Amino acid sequence: MAPGGGVPAGPQPPQDWVFPPTGGYPVGAGPYGGQPWYPGAPVAYPGQPVHGWYPPAYGLDPADPLVTPPGAGVNGWFNRCVGAVRRGWRLLLPILLLTQVLPAAVVSVLSLVVDPTARWDQAMAEEPTTLPDTFVTDLGVMLSVVLGSALVFGLVQSLGWAAGTWVVTRQAAGESVSMGAALSHGARRALGLWGWTLLMSVIIGLGACFCVIPGIYFAFALSMAGPVYLFERQHPIGRSFRMFHDRLGLLLGRVALVAAAVIIGGGAAGMVEGLGTLPFGTTPLDSPGTAVGVLVVTLLGAVLALPTHLAQLVGLVVTYAEQRAHEGPVDSARLAGELG
């Protein structure tokens, strides 16, 4: 009873309720058999306050800044994504700039340096019926440089994903963060995450080679593998597949929103870069003036893609936290502890 004899405000647990529930029907008895007991998520009706409650010891807080509780819907997920960006953008942007944008810009510049298409066009203009004499050699050099640099810089990008995940999670738990500590954590997890990322890339690539649809399926089914490795450090591929199939509609919807943001943002940045390099011709590196111009445009295109990296990082981390909430008790503090 509240002071004055009134009823205390807010939803209250049933009288004599204990956690976990005891007594009553034995397990498996009663009209509903052996149904698992799970605390009801808050239910919101239009124009009405939220009803329902979580027991204090359960570990699901409806107000947790990172973990979206069951029943909160896409609005709850989106609000937590926005909250993570607001808390962490001052650290996340420089981390992603160093580990995602700059490596992408370097790969683009190296692609320009070894691009043989201008020589091929000139040779085929003279001999339209035959391939250039250096076609195989040029193609091998170009593929080696581009793929090799992408593999090397993939390690740097893995460091950035691990560091960014650490920042998002620790800030949600109310713990202190710094650039140095984030990069240090990322360096410890980068090699393992890089290895799993390479394996996932091969799986997705093989799926895309057989048909586009299997490649898309593998991309969605493996979307949680990176966070699973960082938080749980075991069986990331199997766990990601299970999460995907256990809550297909929920995970598919969340990842589709992240993918849409990445595709739209990345496409816009690529269009700006492509249109910006057109005035410099097919051999922009032949003169200092055009070389500087195309380098500036390439760097600008990479920087414009920075919001897509931020959306991908935050969206996948918040989605993983929501999947964990459907499996059992979890909150930001526990997730921060799992990261180490």
Protein backbone atom coordinates (compact mmCIF):
# COMPACT_ATOMS: atom_id res chain seq x y z
CA MET A 1 0.00 0.00 0.00
CA ALA A 2 1.20 3.47 -0.82
CA PRO A 3 1.24 6.24 1.83
CA GLY A 4 -2.33 7.23 2.65
CA GLY A 5 -3.76 3.82 1.86
CA GLY A 6 -3.66 4.14 -1.96
CA VAL A 7 -2.54 1.52 -4.44
CA PRO A 8 1.09 1.96 -5.57
CA ALA A 9 1.47 3.23 -9.14
CA GLY A 10 2.70 1.01 -11.93
CA PRO A 11 2.19 -2.70 -12.71
CA GLN A 12 2.68 -4.98 -9.71
CA PRO A 13 3.60 -8.69 -9.55
CA PRO A 14 0.92 -11.12 -8.39
CA GLN A 15 0.57 -11.67 -4.64
CA ASP A 16 2.96 -14.31 -3.23
CA TRP A 17 4.84 -14.40 -6.57
CA VAL A 18 8.34 -15.81 -6.47
CA PHE A 19 11.00 -16.23 -9.13
CA PRO A 20 11.28 -18.78 -10.56
CA PRO A 21 7.63 -19.82 -10.01
CA THR A 22 7.16 -22.74 -7.66
CA GLY A 23 4.27 -24.82 -6.42
CA GLY A 24 0.98 -25.25 -8.22
CA TYR A 25 0.96 -27.79 -10.98
CA PRO A 26 4.00 -30.03 -11.24
CA VAL A 27 6.04 -29.61 -14.42
CA GLY A 28 4.15 -31.06 -17.37
CA ALA A 29 0.80 -31.12 -15.57
CA GLY A 30 -2.20 -28.87 -15.96
CA PRO A 31 -4.15 -27.82 -19.02
CA TYR A 32 -1.10 -26.54 -20.95
CA GLY A 33 1.41 -29.29 -20.26
CA GLY A 34 5.10 -28.47 -20.04
CA GLN A 35 5.09 -24.94 -21.40
CA PRO A 36 8.31 -23.01 -20.61
CA TRP A 37 7.82 -20.10 -18.20
CA TYR A 38 8.92 -16.77 -19.63
CA PRO A 39 8.12 -13.35 -18.17
CA GLY A 40 5.76 -11.41 -20.38
CA ALA A 41 7.23 -8.49 -22.32
CA PRO A 42 5.61 -5.09 -21.88
CA VAL A 43 2.66 -4.64 -24.21
CA ALA A 44 1.90 -1.22 -25.68
CA TYR A 45 -1.52 -0.28 -27.04
CA PRO A 46 -2.05 2.90 -29.10
CA GLY A 47 -2.66 5.84 -26.79
CA GLN A 48 -2.22 3.76 -23.65
CA PRO A 49 0.70 3.34 -21.19
CA VAL A 50 2.89 0.28 -21.37
CA HIS A 51 1.60 -2.71 -19.37
CA GLY A 52 3.47 -5.75 -18.18
CA TRP A 53 6.64 -6.15 -16.11
CA TYR A 54 9.87 -8.03 -15.79
CA PRO A 55 10.91 -9.58 -12.46
CA PRO A 56 13.85 -7.65 -10.97
CA ALA A 57 16.29 -10.56 -11.09
CA TYR A 58 15.49 -11.67 -14.62
CA GLY A 59 18.08 -9.50 -16.35
CA LEU A 60 15.89 -7.92 -19.04
CA ASP A 61 15.49 -4.19 -18.55
CA PRO A 62 12.91 -2.53 -20.85
CA ALA A 63 14.98 0.66 -20.61
CA ASP A 64 18.34 -0.98 -21.41
CA PRO A 65 20.13 1.32 -23.89
CA LEU A 66 21.48 -1.55 -26.01
CA VAL A 67 19.31 -4.66 -25.56
CA THR A 68 15.90 -4.46 -27.21
CA PRO A 69 13.52 -6.56 -25.08
CA PRO A 70 11.07 -8.97 -26.73
CA GLY A 71 7.92 -7.12 -27.77
CA ALA A 72 9.54 -3.70 -28.26
CA GLY A 73 9.42 -4.06 -32.04
CA VAL A 74 11.34 -2.26 -34.74
CA ASN A 75 10.85 1.11 -33.01
CA GLY A 76 12.67 -0.16 -29.93
CA TRP A 77 15.47 -1.50 -32.12
CA PHE A 78 15.76 1.73 -34.11
CA ASN A 79 15.77 3.91 -30.98
CA ARG A 80 18.65 1.89 -29.54
CA CYS A 81 20.58 2.25 -32.79
CA VAL A 82 20.10 6.02 -32.70
CA GLY A 83 21.07 6.09 -29.02
CA ALA A 84 24.29 4.18 -29.72
CA VAL A 85 25.22 6.65 -32.46
CA ARG A 86 24.53 9.65 -30.22
CA ARG A 87 26.62 8.24 -27.38
CA GLY A 88 29.55 7.07 -29.46
CA TRP A 89 29.93 9.07 -32.66
CA ARG A 90 32.88 11.09 -31.32
CA LEU A 91 34.89 7.87 -30.98
CA LEU A 92 33.26 5.72 -33.63
CA LEU A 93 33.79 8.14 -36.50
CA PRO A 94 37.60 8.42 -36.11
CA ILE A 95 37.89 4.66 -35.53
CA LEU A 96 35.95 3.92 -38.71
CA LEU A 97 37.80 6.65 -40.60
CA LEU A 98 41.15 5.04 -39.78
CA THR A 99 40.13 1.40 -40.17
CA GLN A 100 37.47 1.45 -42.90
CA VAL A 101 37.65 4.63 -44.98
CA LEU A 102 41.42 4.92 -45.40
CA PRO A 103 41.93 1.23 -46.35
CA ALA A 104 39.10 1.50 -48.90
CA ALA A 105 40.69 4.64 -50.36
CA VAL A 106 44.11 2.96 -50.60
CA VAL A 107 42.61 -0.06 -52.41
CA SER A 108 40.87 2.32 -54.87
CA VAL A 109 44.11 4.18 -55.57
CA LEU A 110 46.05 0.96 -56.08
CA SER A 111 43.34 -0.19 -58.49
CA LEU A 112 43.89 2.98 -60.51
CA VAL A 113 47.66 2.48 -60.53
CA VAL A 114 47.49 -1.06 -61.95
CA ASP A 115 44.40 -0.58 -64.13
CA PRO A 116 45.40 -1.73 -67.64
CA THR A 117 42.15 -0.95 -69.45
CA ALA A 118 43.50 2.19 -71.15
CA ARG A 119 46.38 0.20 -72.68
CA TRP A 120 43.99 -2.56 -73.69
CA ASP A 121 41.67 -0.09 -75.40
CA GLN A 122 44.57 1.41 -77.34
CA ALA A 123 45.91 -1.99 -78.40
CA MET A 124 42.48 -3.28 -79.45
CA ALA A 125 41.83 -0.10 -81.44
CA GLU A 126 44.85 -1.04 -83.56
CA GLU A 127 44.11 -4.80 -83.63
CA PRO A 128 40.38 -5.25 -82.93
CA THR A 129 40.41 -9.01 -83.56
CA THR A 130 43.12 -9.99 -81.06
CA LEU A 131 43.69 -9.52 -77.37
CA PRO A 132 46.67 -7.39 -76.30
CA ASP A 133 49.93 -9.32 -75.91
CA THR A 134 50.13 -8.36 -72.24
CA PHE A 135 46.48 -9.17 -71.47
CA VAL A 136 47.11 -12.20 -69.23
CA THR A 137 50.06 -10.58 -67.44
CA ASP A 138 48.20 -7.32 -66.86
CA LEU A 139 45.13 -9.14 -65.59
CA GLY A 140 47.22 -11.26 -63.20
CA VAL A 141 49.01 -8.20 -61.82
CA MET A 142 45.77 -6.28 -61.35
CA LEU A 143 44.00 -9.17 -59.56
CA SER A 144 47.03 -9.85 -57.37
CA VAL A 145 47.39 -6.24 -56.27
CA VAL A 146 43.67 -5.63 -55.67
CA LEU A 147 42.94 -8.93 -53.92
CA GLY A 148 46.20 -8.87 -51.99
CA SER A 149 45.67 -5.35 -50.71
CA ALA A 150 42.04 -6.15 -49.84
CA LEU A 151 43.20 -9.16 -47.79
CA VAL A 152 45.84 -7.15 -45.94
CA PHE A 153 43.55 -4.22 -45.24
CA GLY A 154 40.81 -6.64 -44.22
CA LEU A 155 42.83 -7.23 -41.06
CA VAL A 156 42.78 -3.49 -40.34
CA GLN A 157 39.05 -3.37 -40.98
CA SER A 158 38.50 -6.28 -38.58
CA LEU A 159 40.37 -4.31 -35.94
CA GLY A 160 37.96 -1.43 -36.50
CA TRP A 161 34.84 -3.61 -36.21
CA ALA A 162 36.08 -5.11 -32.96
CA ALA A 163 37.05 -1.70 -31.54
CA GLY A 164 33.72 -0.14 -32.54
CA THR A 165 31.73 -3.02 -31.03
CA TRP A 166 33.65 -2.55 -27.76
CA VAL A 167 32.84 1.18 -27.71
CA VAL A 168 29.11 0.69 -28.40
CA THR A 169 28.75 -2.00 -25.74
CA ARG A 170 30.78 -0.39 -22.96
CA GLN A 171 29.09 2.98 -23.42
CA ALA A 172 25.68 1.31 -23.16
CA ALA A 173 26.82 -0.28 -19.89
CA GLY A 174 27.89 3.14 -18.58
CA GLU A 175 31.61 2.29 -18.55
CA SER A 176 34.47 4.56 -19.58
CA VAL A 177 35.91 4.34 -23.08
CA SER A 178 38.86 5.85 -24.92
CA MET A 179 40.37 5.64 -28.37
CA GLY A 180 43.52 3.89 -27.15
CA ALA A 181 41.64 1.27 -25.14
CA ALA A 182 39.24 0.63 -28.02
CA LEU A 183 42.03 0.11 -30.56
CA SER A 184 43.91 -2.08 -28.09
CA HIS A 185 40.86 -4.32 -27.68
CA GLY A 186 40.38 -4.35 -31.46
CA ALA A 187 43.98 -5.45 -31.99
CA ARG A 188 43.47 -8.43 -29.67
CA ARG A 189 40.39 -9.62 -31.56
CA ALA A 190 41.34 -8.58 -35.10
CA LEU A 191 43.16 -11.71 -36.25
CA GLY A 192 40.41 -14.12 -35.23
CA LEU A 193 37.65 -11.93 -36.64
CA TRP A 194 39.64 -11.52 -39.87
CA GLY A 195 39.97 -15.28 -40.29
CA TRP A 196 36.25 -15.90 -39.80
CA THR A 197 35.44 -13.00 -42.13
CA LEU A 198 37.57 -14.56 -44.87
CA LEU A 199 35.75 -17.88 -44.45
CA MET A 200 32.37 -16.16 -44.57
CA SER A 201 33.42 -14.24 -47.69
CA VAL A 202 34.32 -17.50 -49.41
CA ILE A 203 30.96 -19.05 -48.47
CA ILE A 204 29.00 -16.02 -49.69
CA GLY A 205 31.12 -15.79 -52.84
CA LEU A 206 30.56 -19.45 -53.71
CA GLY A 207 26.84 -19.00 -53.16
CA ALA A 208 26.80 -15.99 -55.45
CA CYS A 209 28.73 -17.92 -58.13
CA PHE A 210 26.14 -20.71 -58.27
CA CYS A 211 23.23 -18.28 -58.25
CA VAL A 212 22.57 -14.85 -56.80
CA ILE A 213 19.86 -16.06 -54.37
CA PRO A 214 22.12 -18.50 -52.43
CA GLY A 215 24.68 -15.73 -52.04
CA ILE A 216 22.04 -13.40 -50.59
CA TYR A 217 20.80 -16.16 -48.29
CA PHE A 218 24.31 -16.83 -46.95
CA ALA A 219 24.92 -13.10 -46.45
CA PHE A 220 21.82 -12.80 -44.24
CA ALA A 221 22.33 -16.13 -42.45
CA LEU A 222 25.94 -15.19 -41.58
CA SER A 223 25.19 -11.60 -40.57
CA MET A 224 25.50 -12.38 -36.86
CA ALA A 225 28.73 -14.40 -37.15
CA GLY A 226 30.99 -11.40 -36.48
CA PRO A 227 29.21 -10.31 -33.28
CA VAL A 228 28.92 -13.95 -32.16
CA TYR A 229 32.70 -14.35 -32.43
CA LEU A 230 33.41 -11.10 -30.60
CA PHE A 231 31.01 -11.79 -27.72
CA GLU A 232 31.04 -15.59 -27.48
CA ARG A 233 34.26 -16.55 -29.33
CA GLN A 234 33.05 -19.96 -30.44
CA HIS A 235 31.03 -21.49 -33.29
CA PRO A 236 30.20 -18.14 -34.96
CA ILE A 237 28.95 -19.64 -38.22
CA GLY A 238 26.74 -22.30 -36.64
CA ARG A 239 25.36 -19.87 -34.04
CA SER A 240 24.58 -17.28 -36.71
CA PHE A 241 22.68 -19.84 -38.79
CA ARG A 242 20.67 -20.91 -35.74
CA MET A 243 19.78 -17.33 -34.81
CA PHE A 244 18.69 -16.69 -38.39
CA HIS A 245 16.41 -19.72 -38.58
CA ASP A 246 15.06 -19.50 -35.01
CA ARG A 247 13.80 -15.93 -35.53
CA LEU A 248 13.73 -15.66 -39.30
CA GLY A 249 11.31 -12.76 -39.69
CA LEU A 250 12.80 -10.64 -36.93
CA LEU A 251 16.43 -11.02 -37.95
CA LEU A 252 15.67 -10.80 -41.66
CA GLY A 253 13.83 -7.53 -41.13
CA ARG A 254 16.56 -5.94 -39.01
CA VAL A 255 19.41 -7.00 -41.30
CA ALA A 256 17.43 -5.91 -44.37
CA LEU A 257 17.18 -2.40 -42.90
CA VAL A 258 20.93 -2.35 -42.28
CA ALA A 259 21.61 -3.68 -45.79
CA ALA A 260 19.34 -1.04 -47.33
CA ALA A 261 21.24 1.73 -45.53
CA VAL A 262 24.58 0.30 -46.68
CA ILE A 263 23.44 -0.16 -50.30
CA ILE A 264 21.90 3.30 -50.58
CA GLY A 265 24.77 5.08 -48.84
CA GLY A 266 27.47 3.09 -50.59
CA GLY A 267 25.77 3.53 -53.96
CA ALA A 268 25.57 7.29 -53.51
CA ALA A 269 29.25 7.48 -52.53
CA GLY A 270 30.25 5.30 -55.49
CA MET A 271 28.23 7.46 -57.87
CA VAL A 272 29.91 10.61 -56.62
CA GLU A 273 33.34 9.01 -57.06
CA GLY A 274 32.52 7.66 -60.52
CA LEU A 275 31.14 10.95 -61.81
CA GLY A 276 33.95 12.91 -60.19
CA THR A 277 36.68 10.91 -61.92
CA LEU A 278 35.17 11.18 -65.42
CA PRO A 279 36.69 14.61 -66.22
CA PHE A 280 40.22 13.28 -65.57
CA GLY A 281 40.11 10.81 -68.45
CA THR A 282 41.12 7.15 -68.69
CA THR A 283 44.74 7.76 -67.67
CA PRO A 284 44.49 10.28 -64.80
CA LEU A 285 47.83 9.32 -63.26
CA ASP A 286 49.84 10.34 -66.34
CA SER A 287 50.10 13.98 -65.23
CA PRO A 288 50.48 15.51 -61.75
CA GLY A 289 47.40 17.73 -62.07
CA THR A 290 44.93 15.01 -62.99
CA ALA A 291 46.58 12.60 -60.52
CA VAL A 292 45.96 14.99 -57.63
CA GLY A 293 42.41 15.59 -58.78
CA VAL A 294 41.49 11.91 -59.03
CA LEU A 295 43.09 11.17 -55.64
CA VAL A 296 41.01 13.92 -54.01
CA VAL A 297 37.82 12.58 -55.60
CA THR A 298 38.66 9.02 -54.54
CA LEU A 299 39.25 10.09 -50.94
CA LEU A 300 36.03 12.13 -50.97
CA GLY A 301 34.05 9.10 -52.17
CA ALA A 302 35.53 6.97 -49.40
CA VAL A 303 34.69 9.59 -46.75
CA LEU A 304 31.11 9.86 -48.02
CA ALA A 305 30.74 6.13 -47.32
CA LEU A 306 31.60 6.69 -43.64
CA PRO A 307 27.93 6.85 -42.49
CA THR A 308 27.28 3.45 -44.09
CA HIS A 309 30.08 1.89 -42.03
CA LEU A 310 28.61 3.45 -38.89
CA ALA A 311 25.10 2.20 -39.72
CA GLN A 312 26.38 -1.30 -40.40
CA LEU A 313 28.40 -1.53 -37.19
CA VAL A 314 25.69 -0.17 -34.87
CA GLY A 315 22.84 -1.97 -36.61
CA LEU A 316 24.44 -5.40 -36.39
CA VAL A 317 25.54 -4.99 -32.75
CA VAL A 318 22.05 -3.89 -31.65
CA THR A 319 20.49 -6.73 -33.67
CA TYR A 320 22.77 -9.27 -31.99
CA ALA A 321 21.85 -7.92 -28.54
CA GLU A 322 18.17 -8.29 -29.41
CA GLN A 323 18.69 -11.90 -30.51
CA ARG A 324 20.37 -12.65 -27.19
CA ALA A 325 17.39 -11.16 -25.33
CA HIS A 326 15.12 -13.70 -27.01
CA GLU A 327 17.35 -16.52 -25.76
CA GLY A 328 17.53 -15.58 -22.09
CA PRO A 329 18.53 -12.98 -19.49
CA VAL A 330 21.02 -10.45 -20.81
CA ASP A 331 21.78 -6.75 -20.46
CA SER A 332 24.43 -4.26 -21.51
CA ALA A 333 26.61 -4.94 -18.47
CA ARG A 334 26.69 -8.67 -19.19
CA LEU A 335 27.52 -8.12 -22.87
CA ALA A 336 30.31 -5.70 -21.92
CA GLY A 337 31.71 -8.32 -19.56
CA GLU A 338 31.65 -10.95 -22.32
CA LEU A 339 33.68 -8.72 -24.60
CA GLY A 340 36.40 -8.44 -21.97
